[in-house]
Protein backbone atom coordinates (compact mmCIF):
# COMPACT_ATOMS: atom_id res chain seq x y z
CA MET A 1 -58.96 104.45 -4.12
CA ALA A 2 -58.29 100.90 -4.09
CA ASP A 3 -54.63 99.74 -3.40
CA ARG A 4 -53.67 97.99 -6.45
CA ALA A 5 -50.26 96.79 -5.28
CA ALA A 6 -51.74 95.49 -2.20
CA TRP A 7 -54.34 93.69 -3.97
CA GLN A 8 -51.75 92.14 -6.52
CA ASP A 9 -49.82 90.89 -3.66
CA SER A 10 -52.80 89.21 -2.16
CA PHE A 11 -53.68 87.65 -5.61
CA ASP A 12 -50.32 86.75 -6.19
CA ARG A 13 -50.06 84.58 -3.07
CA SER A 14 -53.56 82.74 -3.85
CA PRO A 15 -53.04 79.34 -5.16
CA LYS A 16 -54.36 79.10 -8.77
CA ARG A 17 -56.43 76.29 -10.62
CA PRO A 18 -54.12 74.77 -13.18
CA VAL A 19 -56.30 75.95 -16.11
CA PRO A 20 -55.46 78.26 -18.98
CA PHE A 21 -57.38 81.69 -17.94
CA GLU A 22 -58.11 82.69 -21.57
CA THR A 23 -61.17 82.64 -23.96
CA MET A 24 -61.97 79.65 -26.06
CA SER A 25 -60.02 81.29 -29.07
CA GLY A 26 -56.84 81.75 -26.78
CA VAL A 27 -57.13 85.43 -25.81
CA PRO A 28 -55.46 85.77 -22.25
CA LEU A 29 -57.62 87.43 -19.57
CA GLU A 30 -56.81 89.51 -16.74
CA PRO A 31 -57.89 88.20 -13.33
CA VAL A 32 -60.45 91.48 -12.99
CA TYR A 33 -61.12 94.50 -15.18
CA GLY A 34 -61.59 98.03 -14.35
CA PRO A 35 -59.61 101.43 -14.40
CA ASP A 36 -56.89 102.49 -11.78
CA GLY A 37 -58.30 103.16 -8.47
CA ALA A 38 -61.77 101.04 -9.31
CA GLU A 39 -62.96 98.84 -6.29
CA LEU A 40 -61.03 95.43 -6.32
CA PRO A 41 -62.21 91.86 -5.24
CA GLY A 42 -60.88 90.77 -1.88
CA GLN A 43 -60.67 94.65 -0.57
CA PHE A 44 -63.06 96.38 1.41
CA PRO A 45 -66.06 96.82 1.02
CA TYR A 46 -65.94 93.61 -1.06
CA THR A 47 -68.69 94.47 -3.57
CA ARG A 48 -66.54 92.65 -6.12
CA GLY A 49 -66.09 89.49 -4.08
CA PRO A 50 -64.73 88.25 -0.77
CA TYR A 51 -61.29 86.99 -2.18
CA ALA A 52 -58.88 88.51 -4.60
CA SER A 53 -58.36 85.46 -6.80
CA MET A 54 -62.07 84.49 -6.57
CA TYR A 55 -62.69 81.41 -8.81
CA ARG A 56 -59.14 81.44 -10.35
CA SER A 57 -58.13 79.84 -6.96
CA ARG A 58 -61.06 77.59 -6.20
CA LEU A 59 -64.55 77.16 -7.72
CA TRP A 60 -67.58 77.19 -5.50
CA THR A 61 -68.71 74.12 -3.69
CA MET A 62 -71.05 72.34 -5.46
CA ARG A 63 -73.40 71.16 -2.84
CA GLN A 64 -76.74 69.25 -3.86
CA PHE A 65 -79.47 69.15 -1.50
CA ALA A 66 -80.45 65.68 -0.66
CA GLY A 67 -82.48 63.81 1.84
CA PHE A 68 -85.72 61.40 1.67
CA GLY A 69 -86.93 58.11 3.29
CA THR A 70 -84.74 56.60 6.11
CA ALA A 71 -81.13 57.62 6.79
CA ALA A 72 -79.87 54.45 4.75
CA ASP A 73 -81.87 55.90 1.57
CA THR A 74 -80.02 59.16 2.00
CA ASN A 75 -76.81 57.80 2.63
CA GLY A 76 -77.21 55.92 -0.81
CA ARG A 77 -77.98 59.45 -2.48
CA PHE A 78 -75.06 61.13 -0.71
CA LYS A 79 -72.59 58.47 -1.87
CA GLU A 80 -73.90 58.82 -5.50
CA LEU A 81 -73.53 62.69 -5.48
CA LEU A 82 -70.14 62.45 -4.12
CA ARG A 83 -69.20 59.74 -6.91
CA SER A 84 -70.75 62.19 -9.66
CA GLY A 85 -68.23 64.92 -8.79
CA GLY A 86 -70.20 66.92 -5.90
CA ASP A 87 -67.93 68.08 -3.18
CA GLY A 88 -70.02 68.91 -0.45
CA LEU A 89 -73.20 67.24 1.38
CA SER A 90 -76.30 69.16 2.05
CA THR A 91 -79.02 67.36 4.26
CA ALA A 92 -82.71 67.97 3.79
CA PHE A 93 -84.85 66.65 6.84
CA ASP A 94 -88.36 65.44 6.92
CA MET A 95 -91.09 67.79 8.29
CA PRO A 96 -91.29 65.85 11.81
CA THR A 97 -87.67 66.29 12.37
CA LEU A 98 -87.65 69.97 11.37
CA LEU A 99 -90.28 70.68 13.81
CA GLY A 100 -88.32 68.70 16.49
CA ARG A 101 -90.84 65.59 16.60
CA ASP A 102 -90.33 62.01 16.43
CA SER A 103 -91.47 59.68 13.98
CA ASP A 104 -93.80 58.08 16.24
CA ASP A 105 -95.27 61.26 17.23
CA PRO A 106 -98.99 61.16 16.27
CA LEU A 107 -98.66 64.61 14.40
CA ALA A 108 -95.79 62.75 12.38
CA LYS A 109 -98.04 60.28 10.89
CA GLY A 110 -97.89 60.11 7.16
CA GLU A 111 -95.03 62.60 6.97
CA VAL A 112 -92.13 60.56 7.75
CA GLY A 113 -89.28 60.65 5.27
CA ARG A 114 -91.62 62.44 2.59
CA ALA A 115 -89.90 65.88 2.49
CA GLY A 116 -86.54 64.99 3.64
CA VAL A 117 -84.83 62.35 5.70
CA ALA A 118 -86.06 61.25 9.05
CA VAL A 119 -83.57 61.54 12.13
CA ASP A 120 -84.73 60.54 15.51
CA THR A 121 -81.78 59.06 17.45
CA LEU A 122 -77.85 59.29 17.11
CA ALA A 123 -78.09 55.67 15.33
CA ASP A 124 -79.90 57.44 12.45
CA MET A 125 -77.32 60.02 12.25
CA GLU A 126 -74.75 57.25 12.29
CA THR A 127 -76.49 55.60 9.42
CA LEU A 128 -77.02 58.88 7.46
CA PHE A 129 -73.23 59.18 7.30
CA SER A 130 -72.22 55.63 7.43
CA GLY A 131 -69.15 55.35 4.93
CA ILE A 132 -68.56 59.05 4.81
CA ASP A 133 -65.37 60.65 6.32
CA LEU A 134 -66.67 63.64 8.25
CA GLY A 135 -63.09 64.83 8.48
CA ALA A 136 -62.94 64.90 4.60
CA VAL A 137 -66.19 66.26 3.58
CA SER A 138 -68.13 69.55 4.11
CA THR A 139 -71.55 68.93 5.34
CA SER A 140 -74.51 71.53 5.28
CA MET A 141 -77.33 70.71 7.47
CA THR A 142 -80.88 72.77 7.04
CA ILE A 143 -82.55 72.94 10.39
CA ASN A 144 -83.58 75.55 12.64
CA SER A 145 -85.49 74.87 15.75
CA PRO A 146 -83.76 71.65 16.56
CA ALA A 147 -80.51 72.87 15.38
CA ALA A 148 -78.64 72.50 18.53
CA VAL A 149 -80.02 68.79 18.92
CA ILE A 150 -79.12 67.60 15.59
CA MET A 151 -75.40 69.28 15.79
CA ALA A 152 -75.21 67.40 19.15
CA MET A 153 -75.93 64.16 17.18
CA TYR A 154 -73.72 65.13 14.46
CA VAL A 155 -70.86 65.82 17.00
CA GLY A 156 -71.62 62.49 18.62
CA VAL A 157 -71.20 60.64 15.35
CA ALA A 158 -67.86 62.28 14.84
CA ASP A 159 -66.75 61.50 18.44
CA LYS A 160 -67.52 57.68 17.77
CA SER A 161 -65.90 57.49 14.64
CA GLY A 162 -62.82 58.87 15.94
CA VAL A 163 -63.06 62.20 13.72
CA GLU A 164 -61.53 65.35 15.75
CA ARG A 165 -64.18 67.84 16.34
CA ALA A 166 -61.66 70.50 14.92
CA ALA A 167 -61.55 68.72 11.53
CA LEU A 168 -65.32 68.94 11.22
CA SER A 169 -66.27 71.44 8.27
CA GLY A 170 -69.60 72.82 7.35
CA THR A 171 -72.72 74.64 8.19
CA ILE A 172 -75.92 74.44 10.16
CA GLN A 173 -78.63 76.78 9.32
CA ASN A 174 -79.56 77.53 12.84
CA ASP A 175 -81.48 80.77 11.66
CA ILE A 176 -84.41 80.85 14.05
CA LEU A 177 -85.51 84.65 13.20
CA LYS A 178 -86.37 83.78 9.78
CA GLU A 179 -88.58 80.66 10.83
CA TYR A 180 -90.91 83.19 12.54
CA GLN A 181 -90.79 85.80 9.40
CA ALA A 182 -91.30 83.11 6.47
CA GLN A 183 -90.92 79.35 6.94
CA LYS A 184 -92.88 78.66 10.13
CA GLU A 185 -91.09 75.96 11.38
CA PHE A 186 -90.76 77.20 15.06
CA VAL A 187 -91.19 75.68 18.27
CA PHE A 188 -90.14 77.78 21.24
CA PRO A 189 -90.79 81.73 21.58
CA PRO A 190 -88.06 83.80 19.76
CA ARG A 191 -85.97 84.85 22.86
CA PRO A 192 -85.25 81.42 24.37
CA SER A 193 -84.66 80.09 20.69
CA MET A 194 -82.08 82.75 20.28
CA ARG A 195 -80.41 81.40 23.56
CA LEU A 196 -79.93 78.07 21.71
CA VAL A 197 -78.45 79.76 18.41
CA THR A 198 -75.92 81.54 20.82
CA ASP A 199 -75.13 78.71 22.69
CA LEU A 200 -74.21 76.79 19.62
CA MET A 201 -72.13 79.85 18.12
CA ALA A 202 -69.97 79.82 21.40
CA PHE A 203 -69.62 75.94 21.30
CA ALA A 204 -68.38 76.32 17.64
CA ALA A 205 -66.15 79.22 18.46
CA ALA A 206 -64.47 76.97 21.35
CA GLU A 207 -64.28 73.55 19.52
CA LEU A 208 -65.38 73.75 15.89
CA PRO A 209 -62.97 76.19 14.27
CA ARG A 210 -63.90 75.08 10.77
CA TRP A 211 -67.74 74.84 11.46
CA HIS A 212 -70.30 77.87 10.68
CA PRO A 213 -72.80 77.90 13.17
CA VAL A 214 -75.46 79.99 11.50
CA SER A 215 -76.32 80.38 7.86
CA VAL A 216 -78.37 83.42 7.93
CA SER A 217 -81.05 82.59 5.26
CA GLY A 218 -82.90 84.94 2.96
CA TYR A 219 -83.73 81.90 0.83
CA HIS A 220 -87.01 80.91 2.57
CA ILE A 221 -87.74 84.64 2.72
CA ARG A 222 -87.81 84.88 -1.01
CA GLU A 223 -89.59 81.43 -1.39
CA ALA A 224 -92.42 83.00 0.86
CA GLY A 225 -92.99 85.76 -1.68
CA SER A 226 -90.61 88.67 -0.74
CA THR A 227 -89.04 91.01 -3.27
CA ALA A 228 -85.23 90.74 -3.82
CA ALA A 229 -84.62 93.98 -1.57
CA GLN A 230 -86.61 92.44 0.97
CA GLU A 231 -84.75 89.18 0.90
CA LEU A 232 -81.54 91.17 1.22
CA ALA A 233 -82.71 93.59 4.08
CA PHE A 234 -84.48 91.20 6.13
CA THR A 235 -81.55 88.66 5.70
CA LEU A 236 -78.97 91.19 6.82
CA ALA A 237 -81.13 92.75 9.49
CA ASN A 238 -81.25 88.84 11.05
CA GLY A 239 -77.42 88.96 10.69
CA PHE A 240 -77.11 92.15 12.60
CA ALA A 241 -79.38 90.72 15.19
CA TYR A 242 -77.21 87.53 15.77
CA VAL A 243 -74.11 89.75 16.12
CA GLU A 244 -75.98 91.60 18.75
CA ALA A 245 -77.07 88.65 20.37
CA ALA A 246 -73.75 86.98 20.38
CA ASN A 247 -72.06 90.12 21.93
CA GLY A 248 -74.70 90.13 24.49
CA ALA A 249 -73.85 86.47 25.53
CA GLY A 250 -70.09 87.72 26.16
CA MET A 251 -68.50 86.97 22.63
CA ALA A 252 -66.48 89.41 20.96
CA VAL A 253 -67.46 90.15 17.41
CA ASP A 254 -64.08 89.07 15.79
CA ASP A 255 -64.31 85.71 17.59
CA PHE A 256 -67.48 84.49 15.62
CA ALA A 257 -68.25 86.87 12.59
CA PRO A 258 -65.84 84.95 10.34
CA ARG A 259 -67.77 81.94 10.74
CA LEU A 260 -71.07 83.39 10.07
CA SER A 261 -72.39 82.65 6.39
CA PHE A 262 -75.36 83.41 4.38
CA PHE A 263 -77.87 81.92 2.09
CA PHE A 264 -79.66 83.51 -0.64
CA ASN A 265 -82.27 82.72 -3.23
CA ALA A 266 -81.19 82.98 -7.08
CA HIS A 267 -84.41 83.87 -8.84
CA MET A 268 -85.17 84.83 -12.52
CA ASP A 269 -84.54 88.42 -12.75
CA PHE A 270 -80.96 87.86 -14.03
CA PHE A 271 -79.36 91.32 -13.25
CA GLU A 272 -81.37 92.20 -10.06
CA GLU A 273 -80.14 88.92 -8.35
CA ILE A 274 -76.43 89.75 -9.17
CA ALA A 275 -76.99 93.26 -7.99
CA LYS A 276 -78.42 91.86 -4.66
CA TYR A 277 -75.38 90.01 -3.97
CA ARG A 278 -73.04 92.55 -4.65
CA ALA A 279 -74.99 95.02 -2.29
CA ALA A 280 -75.00 92.38 0.34
CA ARG A 281 -71.24 92.19 0.70
CA ARG A 282 -70.99 96.05 0.76
CA ILE A 283 -73.60 96.43 3.21
CA TRP A 284 -72.18 93.83 5.64
CA ALA A 285 -68.63 95.12 5.38
CA ARG A 286 -69.62 98.67 6.33
CA TRP A 287 -72.18 97.55 9.10
CA LEU A 288 -69.58 95.14 10.75
CA ARG A 289 -66.78 97.77 10.73
CA ASP A 290 -68.61 100.82 11.24
CA ARG A 291 -71.39 99.78 13.69
CA TYR A 292 -69.99 96.46 15.48
CA GLY A 293 -66.39 97.40 15.54
CA ALA A 294 -65.08 94.53 13.64
CA SER A 295 -61.43 94.75 12.87
CA ASP A 296 -60.68 91.02 11.48
CA GLY A 297 -61.06 91.34 7.59
CA ARG A 298 -62.61 88.00 7.73
CA SER A 299 -65.52 89.43 9.87
CA LEU A 300 -66.20 91.83 7.06
CA GLN A 301 -66.27 89.38 4.21
CA LEU A 302 -69.75 88.18 3.66
CA ARG A 303 -69.53 84.64 2.26
CA PHE A 304 -72.70 82.91 0.97
CA HIS A 305 -74.42 79.74 -0.26
CA THR A 306 -76.83 80.30 -3.21
CA GLN A 307 -80.02 78.20 -4.19
CA THR A 308 -81.73 78.30 -7.29
CA ALA A 309 -85.47 79.34 -6.75
CA GLY A 310 -87.78 76.49 -5.95
CA VAL A 311 -90.74 78.90 -6.13
CA SER A 312 -89.68 79.55 -10.04
CA LEU A 313 -90.10 75.99 -10.88
CA THR A 314 -93.24 74.92 -12.69
CA ALA A 315 -95.19 71.58 -12.93
CA GLN A 316 -96.24 72.47 -16.52
CA GLN A 317 -93.89 71.90 -19.16
CA PRO A 318 -91.15 70.80 -16.34
CA GLU A 319 -88.45 70.28 -18.43
CA VAL A 320 -88.14 74.05 -19.09
CA ASN A 321 -87.19 74.18 -15.37
CA LEU A 322 -83.84 73.14 -16.58
CA VAL A 323 -83.63 76.33 -18.49
CA ARG A 324 -84.63 78.39 -15.67
CA VAL A 325 -82.07 76.76 -12.98
CA ALA A 326 -79.00 77.29 -15.54
CA ILE A 327 -79.84 81.05 -15.78
CA GLU A 328 -80.41 81.42 -11.95
CA ALA A 329 -77.23 79.33 -11.20
CA LEU A 330 -75.20 81.70 -13.67
CA ALA A 331 -76.52 84.52 -11.76
CA GLY A 332 -75.19 83.09 -8.73
CA VAL A 333 -71.97 82.61 -10.06
CA LEU A 334 -71.73 85.95 -11.61
CA GLY A 335 -72.68 87.43 -8.14
CA GLY A 336 -69.58 85.59 -6.57
CA THR A 337 -71.27 82.58 -4.50
CA GLN A 338 -69.01 80.42 -2.51
CA SER A 339 -71.37 77.51 -2.66
CA LEU A 340 -74.29 76.50 -5.07
CA HIS A 341 -77.24 74.24 -5.05
CA THR A 342 -79.18 73.75 -8.33
CA ASP A 343 -82.67 72.70 -7.90
CA SER A 344 -83.85 69.62 -10.20
CA PHE A 345 -86.16 70.10 -12.73
CA ASP A 346 -88.74 67.68 -11.34
CA GLU A 347 -89.02 69.36 -7.82
CA ALA A 348 -92.30 71.21 -8.70
CA LEU A 349 -93.82 67.55 -8.73
CA ALA A 350 -92.35 65.61 -6.05
CA LEU A 351 -88.67 65.00 -4.27
CA PRO A 352 -86.09 64.60 -7.22
CA THR A 353 -85.20 61.51 -8.92
CA GLU A 354 -81.53 60.51 -9.04
CA HIS A 355 -81.43 61.36 -12.84
CA ALA A 356 -82.93 64.76 -12.24
CA VAL A 357 -80.35 65.31 -9.26
CA ARG A 358 -77.56 64.37 -11.69
CA LEU A 359 -78.62 66.64 -14.43
CA ALA A 360 -78.77 69.62 -11.79
CA LEU A 361 -75.17 68.92 -10.81
CA ARG A 362 -74.10 68.95 -14.41
CA THR A 363 -75.51 72.24 -14.77
CA GLN A 364 -73.29 73.60 -12.16
CA GLN A 365 -70.38 71.68 -14.21
CA VAL A 366 -71.02 73.07 -17.42
CA ILE A 367 -71.03 76.61 -16.04
CA ALA A 368 -67.86 75.86 -14.23
CA GLU A 369 -65.76 74.15 -17.00
CA GLU A 370 -67.37 75.14 -20.34
CA THR A 371 -68.66 78.98 -20.24
CA GLY A 372 -65.47 80.89 -19.20
CA VAL A 373 -67.31 83.00 -16.82
CA VAL A 374 -64.93 81.70 -13.75
CA HIS A 375 -61.73 83.24 -15.33
CA VAL A 376 -62.41 86.79 -14.19
CA ALA A 377 -63.69 88.04 -10.99
CA ASP A 378 -66.86 90.31 -11.12
CA PRO A 379 -67.14 90.48 -14.88
CA LEU A 380 -70.25 92.82 -14.86
CA GLY A 381 -68.47 95.21 -12.37
CA GLY A 382 -68.44 98.47 -13.87
CA SER A 383 -71.77 98.03 -15.97
CA TRP A 384 -73.83 101.11 -15.70
CA PHE A 385 -76.80 99.17 -15.18
CA VAL A 386 -75.52 96.61 -12.66
CA GLU A 387 -73.96 99.32 -10.58
CA GLU A 388 -77.00 101.39 -10.65
CA LEU A 389 -79.14 98.32 -9.46
CA THR A 390 -76.46 97.68 -6.66
CA ASP A 391 -76.79 101.12 -5.46
CA GLU A 392 -80.43 100.78 -5.51
CA MET A 393 -80.61 97.72 -3.72
CA GLU A 394 -78.40 99.00 -1.06
CA ARG A 395 -80.73 102.10 -0.72
CA ALA A 396 -83.86 100.04 -0.31
CA ALA A 397 -82.15 97.96 2.26
CA GLU A 398 -81.21 100.75 4.40
CA GLU A 399 -84.70 101.87 4.41
CA ILE A 400 -85.91 98.87 5.87
CA PHE A 401 -83.09 98.69 8.40
CA ALA A 402 -84.13 102.12 9.56
CA HIS A 403 -87.59 100.84 10.28
CA ILE A 404 -86.42 97.67 12.23
CA GLU A 405 -84.10 99.79 14.21
CA ALA A 406 -86.79 102.37 15.25
CA ALA A 407 -88.82 99.38 16.14
CA GLY A 408 -86.23 98.22 18.47
CA SER A 409 -85.27 101.67 19.89
CA GLY A 410 -81.82 101.58 18.16
CA SER A 411 -81.14 97.79 18.74
CA MET A 412 -81.53 95.36 15.53
CA LEU A 413 -82.06 92.47 17.88
CA GLU A 414 -84.97 94.04 19.75
CA GLY A 415 -86.18 95.48 16.37
CA ALA A 416 -86.26 91.90 14.88
CA PHE A 417 -88.13 90.57 18.02
CA ALA A 418 -90.53 93.60 17.94
CA CYS A 419 -91.26 93.11 14.09
CA ILE A 420 -91.96 89.23 14.73
CA GLU A 421 -94.04 89.87 17.52
CA ASP A 422 -96.29 92.48 15.78
CA GLY A 423 -96.64 90.57 12.56
CA TRP A 424 -94.76 93.45 10.41
CA PHE A 425 -92.38 90.80 8.54
CA VAL A 426 -95.17 88.60 7.73
CA ALA A 427 -97.25 91.37 6.37
CA GLU A 428 -94.52 92.70 4.27
CA ILE A 429 -93.65 89.44 2.61
CA ALA A 430 -97.55 88.69 2.19
CA ASP A 431 -98.17 92.08 0.38
CA ALA A 432 -95.09 91.65 -1.75
CA SER A 433 -96.29 87.99 -2.79
CA TYR A 434 -99.75 89.41 -3.47
CA ARG A 435 -98.56 91.97 -5.91
CA PHE A 436 -96.55 89.57 -7.81
CA GLN A 437 -99.13 86.98 -8.11
CA THR A 438 -101.65 89.73 -9.32
CA LYS A 439 -98.89 90.51 -12.11
CA VAL A 440 -99.13 87.04 -12.96
CA ALA A 441 -102.91 86.94 -12.93
CA LYS A 442 -102.86 90.06 -15.19
CA GLY A 443 -100.30 88.68 -17.77
CA GLU A 444 -97.99 91.49 -16.68
CA TRP A 445 -95.36 88.97 -15.88
CA ILE A 446 -95.09 85.92 -18.22
CA GLN A 447 -94.22 82.63 -16.89
CA VAL A 448 -93.52 80.04 -19.56
CA GLY A 449 -96.04 77.22 -19.80
CA VAL A 450 -98.21 78.85 -17.12
CA ASN A 451 -99.62 82.12 -18.18
CA GLY A 452 -97.93 82.09 -21.71
CA TYR A 453 -96.71 79.52 -24.39
CA THR A 454 -98.87 77.05 -23.07
CA GLU A 455 -99.18 73.53 -24.51
CA GLY A 456 -102.23 71.90 -23.02
CA ASP A 457 -100.43 68.59 -22.74
CA ASP A 458 -98.16 68.66 -19.80
CA THR A 459 -96.97 65.16 -19.37
CA ALA A 460 -95.22 64.60 -16.25
CA PRO A 461 -91.88 62.84 -16.06
CA PRO A 462 -91.29 59.71 -13.96
CA THR A 463 -91.11 61.00 -10.27
CA LEU A 464 -89.80 59.64 -7.05
CA SER A 465 -92.15 57.93 -4.95
CA ILE A 466 -91.84 57.40 -1.19
CA ASP A 467 -92.97 53.92 -0.15
CA PRO A 468 -95.21 53.80 2.84
CA ALA A 469 -92.96 51.08 4.21
CA VAL A 470 -90.34 53.84 4.90
CA GLU A 471 -92.42 55.07 7.65
CA THR A 472 -93.06 51.49 8.87
CA ALA A 473 -89.12 50.65 8.87
CA GLN A 474 -88.38 54.03 10.75
CA LEU A 475 -91.15 53.45 13.26
CA ALA A 476 -89.40 49.80 13.90
CA SER A 477 -86.05 51.38 14.14
CA LEU A 478 -86.92 53.94 16.55
CA ALA A 479 -88.73 51.38 18.89
CA ARG A 480 -85.45 48.99 18.86
CA VAL A 481 -83.63 52.05 19.89
CA LYS A 482 -86.10 52.99 22.82
CA GLN A 483 -85.97 49.19 23.86
CA SER A 484 -82.28 48.66 24.04
CA ARG A 485 -81.34 52.00 25.74
CA ASP A 486 -80.58 52.53 29.42
CA ASP A 487 -83.87 54.29 30.63
CA ASP A 488 -82.08 55.48 33.74
CA ALA A 489 -79.48 57.26 31.65
CA VAL A 490 -82.17 58.80 29.45
CA LYS A 491 -84.06 60.14 32.59
CA CYS A 492 -80.83 61.47 33.96
CA ALA A 493 -79.89 63.16 30.66
CA LEU A 494 -83.65 64.79 30.35
CA GLU A 495 -83.46 66.00 33.93
CA ARG A 496 -80.01 67.84 33.40
CA LEU A 497 -81.28 69.33 30.33
CA ALA A 498 -84.36 70.76 31.52
CA ARG A 499 -82.56 71.95 34.80
CA GLU A 500 -79.67 73.55 32.85
CA ALA A 501 -81.97 75.23 30.60
CA VAL A 502 -83.64 77.26 33.62
CA ASP A 503 -80.03 78.83 33.88
CA PRO A 504 -79.28 81.03 30.87
CA THR A 505 -75.51 81.37 31.95
CA ILE A 506 -75.07 77.57 31.24
CA ASN A 507 -74.30 76.39 27.55
CA LEU A 508 -76.54 73.74 26.57
CA MET A 509 -74.50 71.99 24.04
CA PRO A 510 -72.67 69.52 26.44
CA ALA A 511 -75.91 68.49 27.99
CA LEU A 512 -77.41 67.91 24.29
CA ILE A 513 -74.31 65.83 23.25
CA ASP A 514 -74.62 63.75 26.61
CA ALA A 515 -78.22 63.22 25.82
CA ALA A 516 -77.56 62.22 22.28
CA ARG A 517 -74.83 59.73 23.57
CA ALA A 518 -77.59 58.19 26.09
CA ASP A 519 -79.79 57.81 22.78
CA VAL A 520 -82.21 60.39 23.76
CA THR A 521 -84.26 61.36 20.82
CA VAL A 522 -84.77 64.59 18.96
CA GLY A 523 -88.41 64.82 20.12
CA GLU A 524 -87.37 64.00 23.78
CA SER A 525 -84.79 66.56 24.07
CA MET A 526 -87.08 69.21 22.30
CA GLY A 527 -89.87 68.29 24.83
CA ALA A 528 -87.39 68.82 27.75
CA LEU A 529 -86.54 72.25 26.56
CA GLU A 530 -90.23 72.97 25.80
CA THR A 531 -91.24 72.77 29.42
CA VAL A 532 -88.92 75.35 30.44
CA PHE A 533 -89.09 77.55 27.28
CA GLY A 534 -92.50 77.39 26.54
CA THR A 535 -94.41 77.20 22.94
CA TRP A 536 -94.62 80.11 20.53
CA TYR A 537 -97.85 80.71 18.91
CA GLU A 538 -97.97 83.25 16.08
CA ARG A 539 -100.10 86.42 16.01
CA THR A 540 -102.49 86.25 13.33
CA VAL A 541 -102.28 89.17 10.89
CA VAL A 542 -105.13 90.56 8.91
């Protein structure tokens, strides 16, 4: 039975936003509803939310994903978002950076600054956050294989600008397992890649108390075509694997688990998405307590960022995407998200325009300020439909966990490695994607403007165009850094990095930070590690 008195005490001690908690007609609203003894938000197993007061205390962070062109281009977009009421930055990197390659790499030709911002050096990172107080803003960086290298540059910028490391707040994705499962932006084999993940986790535990060193991402698993249950299960299984990896590296679970965060998709099946989030909190709390021995309540509280589903956006009748995004964002809020990104309506056509980004942010602000859904925690809790769906999500996830655990002979970490190596994750996602696309092709699932309610005249709105001059400018900037830096210092930094990579007992973050200070590029640091770690080639699944 839930302890209502303890919950009330926790709720009363939470700060409250200075707004009336009532309906538009003036009817006062309780902070939570349900019979005596019902589960409460902020209490184990946190099905109804990680915090007692939820949005009465603080709204979710409105964090719009941004990144294009050069660091200076994206810096301007960052500042516009902050001026428009955004309260967190979220950084998208271009494809060469995501793959740990410099802009002057032959394989980067034509891709520099196109899918995100190009970052090659510490100078780029300084420009990216120029005029932005890193001690006052929360920053998210979506990057995985080179995450430790990019984080080293971010810390280097803070050090140079006089911001204490302890003041840095934000998240770096650093979720390498899902790269092998879904997104495919891997460089090294899984096991040495996991060493980089745990090195960053240990460094954050020691020096970055407000930083989330891993954001376990189901978003890209869902975008690759998984079902909601697969997204839930694969994501939490990866989270359990990181717990085991950190334990194996000598870290106690309560020393790092409170700063693990999660990243989920908000898709179009409204109630299924809400049930997914509720089940995720419940499963995480039970596994962390019962299997991994966590005793700190913060370790048990699954906190997550949500992004509306990019794969649900259509190039046909693109303005309809505004409706899709609003519905998906509402599901994230009703599911209790701590942070939210709303996609822009034109993203099926190109990177978003400034106008589209502002509309996406306004969508969140309308939900927060005009709908009243933030006044009550878990307002759909107790719905027979939602509770049944939540139970079904948990049941389906536990079935998948059993398969992964068996593949690892009792270890979720070894199971994750085994299911990556034999292609099981990839095959499961591919099969799910095929089944859904078959439904669309047969008209069993209607997508407005695609296979139903078509107009035949889908006029595209103005879209953002990346000038080829961006690549020229970035190459020139990189050449200037290489020409002006101390070549001996670069050589020493790279030799140290390769030498320390051989010894798994050495944390690589100090060497990476020193390399960044010596103007070693992202590609050079990754290349030094690749000589030790090797290169991963995916197994073909047929």
